Amino acid sequence: MSRVCELTGKRAMVGNNVSHAMNKTKRKFNVNLVKKRFYIPEEDKWLTLRVSTSALKNINKKGISAVIKEAREKGYLNK
């Protein structure tokens, strides 16, 4: 399973490790993902998603229904 947030579409970025001698080697900046269950009262069901912690902050701010609606409009969530 790839490390992609199901609500925001965030995925790993690529960058460099830079040593003190300015040697550069490739590295990955992974997304901080958590597996979380959400209750959706409109559909009266539970939904399990792998979401980034920044998406959790959006859910706390806007509510799960609004965030899921935005994700479906952008094409990230097809459930």
PDB file of N, CA and C in Angstrom:
ATOM      1  N   MET A   1       0.849  -1.181   0.000  1.00  0.00           N
ATOM      2  CA  MET A   1       0.000   0.000   0.000  1.00  0.00           C
ATOM      3  C   MET A   1       0.894   1.244   0.000  1.00  0.00           C
ATOM      4  N   SER A   2       0.628   2.133  -0.921  1.00  0.00           N
ATOM      5  CA  SER A   2       1.472   3.318  -1.025  1.00  0.00           C
ATOM      6  C   SER A   2       1.145   4.309   0.086  1.00  0.00           C
ATOM      7  N   ARG A   3       2.123   5.117   0.409  1.00  0.00           N
ATOM      8  CA  ARG A   3       1.966   6.085   1.486  1.00  0.00           C
ATOM      9  C   ARG A   3       1.353   7.368   0.934  1.00  0.00           C
ATOM     10  N   VAL A   4       0.029   7.344   0.750  1.00  0.00           N
ATOM     11  CA  VAL A   4      -0.704   8.479   0.218  1.00  0.00           C
ATOM     12  C   VAL A   4      -1.908   8.735   1.115  1.00  0.00           C
ATOM     13  N   CYS A   5      -2.124   9.987   1.461  1.00  0.00           N
ATOM     14  CA  CYS A   5      -3.293  10.368   2.248  1.00  0.00           C
ATOM     15  C   CYS A   5      -4.534  10.228   1.379  1.00  0.00           C
ATOM     16  N   GLU A   6      -5.562   9.568   1.899  1.00  0.00           N
ATOM     17  CA  GLU A   6      -6.773   9.319   1.123  1.00  0.00           C
ATOM     18  C   GLU A   6      -7.674  10.541   1.009  1.00  0.00           C
ATOM     19  N   LEU A   7      -7.468  11.554   1.847  1.00  0.00           N
ATOM     20  CA  LEU A   7      -8.314  12.740   1.796  1.00  0.00           C
ATOM     21  C   LEU A   7      -7.652  13.924   1.096  1.00  0.00           C
ATOM     22  N   THR A   8      -6.338  14.076   1.242  1.00  0.00           N
ATOM     23  CA  THR A   8      -5.670  15.240   0.658  1.00  0.00           C
ATOM     24  C   THR A   8      -4.792  14.887  -0.534  1.00  0.00           C
ATOM     25  N   GLY A   9      -4.472  13.597  -0.706  1.00  0.00           N
ATOM     26  CA  GLY A   9      -3.615  13.196  -1.814  1.00  0.00           C
ATOM     27  C   GLY A   9      -2.137  13.446  -1.564  1.00  0.00           C
ATOM     28  N   LYS A  10      -1.783  13.800  -0.330  1.00  0.00           N
ATOM     29  CA  LYS A  10      -0.370  14.036  -0.014  1.00  0.00           C
ATOM     30  C   LYS A  10       0.413  12.747  -0.184  1.00  0.00           C
ATOM     31  N   ARG A  11       1.645  12.869  -0.724  1.00  0.00           N
ATOM     32  CA  ARG A  11       2.504  11.710  -0.893  1.00  0.00           C
ATOM     33  C   ARG A  11       3.933  12.097  -0.578  1.00  0.00           C
ATOM     34  N   ALA A  12       4.833  11.113  -0.585  1.00  0.00           N
ATOM     35  CA  ALA A  12       6.216  11.341  -0.207  1.00  0.00           C
ATOM     36  C   ALA A  12       6.891  12.302  -1.184  1.00  0.00           C
ATOM     37  N   MET A  13       7.783  13.136  -0.633  1.00  0.00           N
ATOM     38  CA  MET A  13       8.596  14.042  -1.448  1.00  0.00           C
ATOM     39  C   MET A  13      10.021  13.509  -1.481  1.00  0.00           C
ATOM     40  N   VAL A  14      10.783  13.927  -2.487  1.00  0.00           N
ATOM     41  CA  VAL A  14      12.175  13.503  -2.611  1.00  0.00           C
ATOM     42  C   VAL A  14      13.060  14.715  -2.397  1.00  0.00           C
ATOM     43  N   GLY A  15      14.163  14.485  -1.659  1.00  0.00           N
ATOM     44  CA  GLY A  15      15.108  15.564  -1.400  1.00  0.00           C
ATOM     45  C   GLY A  15      16.492  14.992  -1.209  1.00  0.00           C
ATOM     46  N   ASN A  16      17.350  15.757  -0.571  1.00  0.00           N
ATOM     47  CA  ASN A  16      18.725  15.344  -0.346  1.00  0.00           C
ATOM     48  C   ASN A  16      19.060  15.347   1.130  1.00  0.00           C
ATOM     49  N   ASN A  17      19.865  14.336   1.538  1.00  0.00           N
ATOM     50  CA  ASN A  17      20.587  14.419   2.793  1.00  0.00           C
ATOM     51  C   ASN A  17      21.844  15.220   2.485  1.00  0.00           C
ATOM     52  N   VAL A  18      22.142  16.237   3.266  1.00  0.00           N
ATOM     53  CA  VAL A  18      23.325  17.049   3.017  1.00  0.00           C
ATOM     54  C   VAL A  18      24.244  16.924   4.227  1.00  0.00           C
ATOM     55  N   SER A  19      25.438  16.408   3.987  1.00  0.00           N
ATOM     56  CA  SER A  19      26.400  16.240   5.070  1.00  0.00           C
ATOM     57  C   SER A  19      27.119  17.563   5.344  1.00  0.00           C
ATOM     58  N   HIS A  20      27.928  17.555   6.380  1.00  0.00           N
ATOM     59  CA  HIS A  20      28.702  18.741   6.729  1.00  0.00           C
ATOM     60  C   HIS A  20      29.666  19.129   5.598  1.00  0.00           C
ATOM     61  N   ALA A  21      30.120  18.120   4.850  1.00  0.00           N
ATOM     62  CA  ALA A  21      31.027  18.354   3.718  1.00  0.00           C
ATOM     63  C   ALA A  21      30.254  18.674   2.435  1.00  0.00           C
ATOM     64  N   MET A  22      28.929  18.891   2.563  1.00  0.00           N
ATOM     65  CA  MET A  22      28.043  19.235   1.442  1.00  0.00           C
ATOM     66  C   MET A  22      27.888  18.095   0.433  1.00  0.00           C
ATOM     67  N   ASN A  23      28.151  16.836   0.864  1.00  0.00           N
ATOM     68  CA  ASN A  23      27.844  15.690   0.020  1.00  0.00           C
ATOM     69  C   ASN A  23      26.339  15.484   0.031  1.00  0.00           C
ATOM     70  N   LYS A  24      25.776  15.166  -1.112  1.00  0.00           N
ATOM     71  CA  LYS A  24      24.326  15.025  -1.215  1.00  0.00           C
ATOM     72  C   LYS A  24      23.963  13.602  -1.624  1.00  0.00           C
ATOM     73  N   THR A  25      23.050  12.998  -0.865  1.00  0.00           N
ATOM     74  CA  THR A  25      22.501  11.691  -1.205  1.00  0.00           C
ATOM     75  C   THR A  25      20.987  11.796  -1.152  1.00  0.00           C
ATOM     76  N   LYS A  26      20.325  11.051  -2.025  1.00  0.00           N
ATOM     77  CA  LYS A  26      18.867  11.125  -2.114  1.00  0.00           C
ATOM     78  C   LYS A  26      18.205  10.562  -0.862  1.00  0.00           C
ATOM     79  N   ARG A  27      17.079  11.150  -0.499  1.00  0.00           N
ATOM     80  CA  ARG A  27      16.275  10.671   0.615  1.00  0.00           C
ATOM     81  C   ARG A  27      14.808  10.955   0.342  1.00  0.00           C
ATOM     82  N   LYS A  28      13.939  10.380   1.151  1.00  0.00           N
ATOM     83  CA  LYS A  28      12.500  10.581   1.026  1.00  0.00           C
ATOM     84  C   LYS A  28      11.960  11.277   2.264  1.00  0.00           C
ATOM     85  N   PHE A  29      11.036  12.183   2.057  1.00  0.00           N
ATOM     86  CA  PHE A  29      10.286  12.789   3.146  1.00  0.00           C
ATOM     87  C   PHE A  29       8.904  12.145   3.116  1.00  0.00           C
ATOM     88  N   ASN A  30       8.673  11.154   3.992  1.00  0.00           N
ATOM     89  CA  ASN A  30       7.397  10.449   4.000  1.00  0.00           C
ATOM     90  C   ASN A  30       6.311  11.276   4.676  1.00  0.00           C
ATOM     91  N   VAL A  31       5.080  10.972   4.332  1.00  0.00           N
ATOM     92  CA  VAL A  31       3.918  11.637   4.910  1.00  0.00           C
ATOM     93  C   VAL A  31       3.621  10.994   6.258  1.00  0.00           C
ATOM     94  N   ASN A  32       3.220  11.793   7.220  1.00  0.00           N
ATOM     95  CA  ASN A  32       2.860  11.285   8.541  1.00  0.00           C
ATOM     96  C   ASN A  32       1.424  10.772   8.483  1.00  0.00           C
ATOM     97  N   LEU A  33       1.266   9.468   8.217  1.00  0.00           N
ATOM     98  CA  LEU A  33      -0.058   8.872   8.055  1.00  0.00           C
ATOM     99  C   LEU A  33      -0.477   8.102   9.295  1.00  0.00           C
ATOM    100  N   VAL A  34      -1.771   8.147   9.579  1.00  0.00           N
ATOM    101  CA  VAL A  34      -2.371   7.352  10.642  1.00  0.00           C
ATOM    102  C   VAL A  34      -3.630   6.698  10.105  1.00  0.00           C
ATOM    103  N   LYS A  35      -3.910   5.495  10.602  1.00  0.00           N
ATOM    104  CA  LYS A  35      -5.140   4.794  10.227  1.00  0.00           C
ATOM    105  C   LYS A  35      -6.200   5.169  11.260  1.00  0.00           C
ATOM    106  N   LYS A  36      -7.322   5.690  10.800  1.00  0.00           N
ATOM    107  CA  LYS A  36      -8.314   6.248  11.726  1.00  0.00           C
ATOM    108  C   LYS A  36      -9.719   5.887  11.248  1.00  0.00           C
ATOM    109  N   ARG A  37     -10.580   5.578  12.207  1.00  0.00           N
ATOM    110  CA  ARG A  37     -11.991   5.300  11.901  1.00  0.00           C
ATOM    111  C   ARG A  37     -12.811   6.560  12.184  1.00  0.00           C
ATOM    112  N   PHE A  38     -13.704   6.878  11.258  1.00  0.00           N
ATOM    113  CA  PHE A  38     -14.571   8.040  11.415  1.00  0.00           C
ATOM    114  C   PHE A  38     -16.025   7.591  11.305  1.00  0.00           C
ATOM    115  N   TYR A  39     -16.871   8.173  12.125  1.00  0.00           N
ATOM    116  CA  TYR A  39     -18.303   7.912  12.039  1.00  0.00           C
ATOM    117  C   TYR A  39     -18.949   9.016  11.224  1.00  0.00           C
ATOM    118  N   ILE A  40     -19.717   8.615  10.210  1.00  0.00           N
ATOM    119  CA  ILE A  40     -20.402   9.569   9.346  1.00  0.00           C
ATOM    120  C   ILE A  40     -21.893   9.482   9.652  1.00  0.00           C
ATOM    121  N   PRO A  41     -22.438  10.466  10.366  1.00  0.00           N
ATOM    122  CA  PRO A  41     -23.844  10.369  10.785  1.00  0.00           C
ATOM    123  C   PRO A  41     -24.837  10.433   9.624  1.00  0.00           C
ATOM    124  N   GLU A  42     -24.497  11.137   8.532  1.00  0.00           N
ATOM    125  CA  GLU A  42     -25.414  11.226   7.395  1.00  0.00           C
ATOM    126  C   GLU A  42     -25.652   9.865   6.751  1.00  0.00           C
ATOM    127  N   GLU A  43     -24.597   9.051   6.689  1.00  0.00           N
ATOM    128  CA  GLU A  43     -24.699   7.722   6.079  1.00  0.00           C
ATOM    129  C   GLU A  43     -24.864   6.634   7.131  1.00  0.00           C
ATOM    130  N   ASP A  44     -24.794   7.006   8.418  1.00  0.00           N
ATOM    131  CA  ASP A  44     -24.932   6.099   9.554  1.00  0.00           C
ATOM    132  C   ASP A  44     -23.991   4.901   9.440  1.00  0.00           C
ATOM    133  N   LYS A  45     -22.688   5.202   9.171  1.00  0.00           N
ATOM    134  CA  LYS A  45     -21.705   4.124   9.080  1.00  0.00           C
ATOM    135  C   LYS A  45     -20.327   4.622   9.482  1.00  0.00           C
ATOM    136  N   TRP A  46     -19.436   3.655   9.735  1.00  0.00           N
ATOM    137  CA  TRP A  46     -18.052   3.939  10.076  1.00  0.00           C
ATOM    138  C   TRP A  46     -17.209   3.807   8.823  1.00  0.00           C
ATOM    139  N   LEU A  47     -16.184   4.654   8.702  1.00  0.00           N
ATOM    140  CA  LEU A  47     -15.294   4.645   7.550  1.00  0.00           C
ATOM    141  C   LEU A  47     -13.857   4.667   8.058  1.00  0.00           C
ATOM    142  N   THR A  48     -13.037   3.701   7.611  1.00  0.00           N
ATOM    143  CA  THR A  48     -11.636   3.639   8.002  1.00  0.00           C
ATOM    144  C   THR A  48     -10.794   4.235   6.888  1.00  0.00           C
ATOM    145  N   LEU A  49      -9.961   5.211   7.236  1.00  0.00           N
ATOM    146  CA  LEU A  49      -9.134   5.905   6.255  1.00  0.00           C
ATOM    147  C   LEU A  49      -7.700   5.997   6.743  1.00  0.00           C
ATOM    148  N   ARG A  50      -6.749   6.041   5.798  1.00  0.00           N
ATOM    149  CA  ARG A  50      -5.358   6.373   6.111  1.00  0.00           C
ATOM    150  C   ARG A  50      -5.188   7.840   5.763  1.00  0.00           C
ATOM    151  N   VAL A  51      -5.087   8.669   6.781  1.00  0.00           N
ATOM    152  CA  VAL A  51      -5.031  10.111   6.563  1.00  0.00           C
ATOM    153  C   VAL A  51      -3.776  10.695   7.178  1.00  0.00           C
ATOM    154  N   SER A  52      -3.323  11.811   6.626  1.00  0.00           N
ATOM    155  CA  SER A  52      -2.187  12.532   7.190  1.00  0.00           C
ATOM    156  C   SER A  52      -2.661  13.284   8.429  1.00  0.00           C
ATOM    157  N   THR A  53      -1.712  13.623   9.288  1.00  0.00           N
ATOM    158  CA  THR A  53      -2.085  14.336  10.504  1.00  0.00           C
ATOM    159  C   THR A  53      -2.572  15.743  10.195  1.00  0.00           C
ATOM    160  N   SER A  54      -2.123  16.321   9.085  1.00  0.00           N
ATOM    161  CA  SER A  54      -2.653  17.631   8.699  1.00  0.00           C
ATOM    162  C   SER A  54      -4.108  17.509   8.254  1.00  0.00           C
ATOM    163  N   ALA A  55      -4.479  16.373   7.658  1.00  0.00           N
ATOM    164  CA  ALA A  55      -5.882  16.146   7.300  1.00  0.00           C
ATOM    165  C   ALA A  55      -6.731  15.981   8.554  1.00  0.00           C
ATOM    166  N   LEU A  56      -6.158  15.380   9.605  1.00  0.00           N
ATOM    167  CA  LEU A  56      -6.887  15.266  10.876  1.00  0.00           C
ATOM    168  C   LEU A  56      -7.193  16.643  11.456  1.00  0.00           C
ATOM    169  N   LYS A  57      -6.250  17.568  11.313  1.00  0.00           N
ATOM    170  CA  LYS A  57      -6.489  18.930  11.792  1.00  0.00           C
ATOM    171  C   LYS A  57      -7.619  19.586  10.999  1.00  0.00           C
ATOM    172  N   ASN A  58      -7.660  19.329   9.677  1.00  0.00           N
ATOM    173  CA  ASN A  58      -8.752  19.857   8.856  1.00  0.00           C
ATOM    174  C   ASN A  58     -10.083  19.254   9.270  1.00  0.00           C
ATOM    175  N   ILE A  59     -10.093  17.952   9.597  1.00  0.00           N
ATOM    176  CA  ILE A  59     -11.326  17.294  10.024  1.00  0.00           C
ATOM    177  C   ILE A  59     -11.812  17.892  11.340  1.00  0.00           C
ATOM    178  N   ASN A  60     -10.885  18.148  12.260  1.00  0.00           N
ATOM    179  CA  ASN A  60     -11.278  18.765  13.536  1.00  0.00           C
ATOM    180  C   ASN A  60     -11.827  20.169  13.330  1.00  0.00           C
ATOM    181  N   LYS A  61     -11.324  20.868  12.328  1.00  0.00           N
ATOM    182  CA  LYS A  61     -11.739  22.247  12.074  1.00  0.00           C
ATOM    183  C   LYS A  61     -13.059  22.316  11.305  1.00  0.00           C
ATOM    184  N   LYS A  62     -13.167  21.555  10.191  1.00  0.00           N
ATOM    185  CA  LYS A  62     -14.321  21.659   9.299  1.00  0.00           C
ATOM    186  C   LYS A  62     -15.390  20.605   9.523  1.00  0.00           C
ATOM    187  N   GLY A  63     -14.991  19.445  10.056  1.00  0.00           N
ATOM    188  CA  GLY A  63     -15.922  18.328  10.206  1.00  0.00           C
ATOM    189  C   GLY A  63     -15.665  17.286   9.129  1.00  0.00           C
ATOM    190  N   ILE A  64     -15.942  16.029   9.466  1.00  0.00           N
ATOM    191  CA  ILE A  64     -15.629  14.931   8.556  1.00  0.00           C
ATOM    192  C   ILE A  64     -16.460  14.988   7.277  1.00  0.00           C
ATOM    193  N   SER A  65     -17.710  15.400   7.362  1.00  0.00           N
ATOM    194  CA  SER A  65     -18.571  15.418   6.181  1.00  0.00           C
ATOM    195  C   SER A  65     -18.077  16.410   5.133  1.00  0.00           C
ATOM    196  N   ALA A  66     -17.668  17.586   5.578  1.00  0.00           N
ATOM    197  CA  ALA A  66     -17.188  18.616   4.653  1.00  0.00           C
ATOM    198  C   ALA A  66     -15.877  18.195   4.006  1.00  0.00           C
ATOM    199  N   VAL A  67     -14.988  17.572   4.773  1.00  0.00           N
ATOM    200  CA  VAL A  67     -13.690  17.158   4.234  1.00  0.00           C
ATOM    201  C   VAL A  67     -13.861  16.016   3.234  1.00  0.00           C
ATOM    202  N   ILE A  68     -14.765  15.068   3.527  1.00  0.00           N
ATOM    203  CA  ILE A  68     -15.026  13.969   2.591  1.00  0.00           C
ATOM    204  C   ILE A  68     -15.640  14.505   1.306  1.00  0.00           C
ATOM    205  N   LYS A  69     -16.530  15.477   1.425  1.00  0.00           N
ATOM    206  CA  LYS A  69     -17.153  16.081   0.238  1.00  0.00           C
ATOM    207  C   LYS A  69     -16.089  16.733  -0.648  1.00  0.00           C
ATOM    208  N   GLU A  70     -15.143  17.476  -0.045  1.00  0.00           N
ATOM    209  CA  GLU A  70     -14.061  18.101  -0.805  1.00  0.00           C
ATOM    210  C   GLU A  70     -13.175  17.056  -1.472  1.00  0.00           C
ATOM    211  N   ALA A  71     -12.876  15.977  -0.754  1.00  0.00           N
ATOM    212  CA  ALA A  71     -12.013  14.922  -1.291  1.00  0.00           C
ATOM    213  C   ALA A  71     -12.674  14.234  -2.477  1.00  0.00           C
ATOM    214  N   ARG A  72     -13.994  14.019  -2.412  1.00  0.00           N
ATOM    215  CA  ARG A  72     -14.701  13.397  -3.534  1.00  0.00           C
ATOM    216  C   ARG A  72     -14.731  14.321  -4.745  1.00  0.00           C
ATOM    217  N   GLU A  73     -14.863  15.631  -4.513  1.00  0.00           N
ATOM    218  CA  GLU A  73     -14.854  16.596  -5.624  1.00  0.00           C
ATOM    219  C   GLU A  73     -13.504  16.630  -6.319  1.00  0.00           C
ATOM    220  N   LYS A  74     -12.417  16.506  -5.534  1.00  0.00           N
ATOM    221  CA  LYS A  74     -11.070  16.525  -6.110  1.00  0.00           C
ATOM    222  C   LYS A  74     -10.659  15.173  -6.668  1.00  0.00           C
ATOM    223  N   GLY A  75     -11.441  14.125  -6.388  1.00  0.00           N
ATOM    224  CA  GLY A  75     -11.155  12.809  -6.933  1.00  0.00           C
ATOM    225  C   GLY A  75     -10.215  11.954  -6.099  1.00  0.00           C
ATOM    226  N   TYR A  76      -9.983  12.322  -4.839  1.00  0.00           N
ATOM    227  CA  TYR A  76      -9.092  11.547  -3.985  1.00  0.00           C
ATOM    228  C   TYR A  76      -9.807  10.367  -3.343  1.00  0.00           C
ATOM    229  N   LEU A  77     -11.086  10.514  -3.046  1.00  0.00           N
ATOM    230  CA  LEU A  77     -11.831   9.492  -2.329  1.00  0.00           C
ATOM    231  C   LEU A  77     -12.995   9.022  -3.209  1.00  0.00           C
ATOM    232  N   ASN A  78     -13.052   7.719  -3.459  1.00  0.00           N
ATOM    233  CA  ASN A  78     -14.102   7.183  -4.323  1.00  0.00           C
ATOM    234  C   ASN A  78     -15.050   6.263  -3.568  1.00  0.00           C
ATOM    235  N   LYS A  79     -15.016   6.280  -2.235  1.00  0.00           N
ATOM    236  CA  LYS A  79     -15.859   5.391  -1.446  1.00  0.00           C
ATOM    237  C   LYS A  79     -17.223   5.998  -1.232  1.00  0.00           C
TER     238      LYS A  79
END
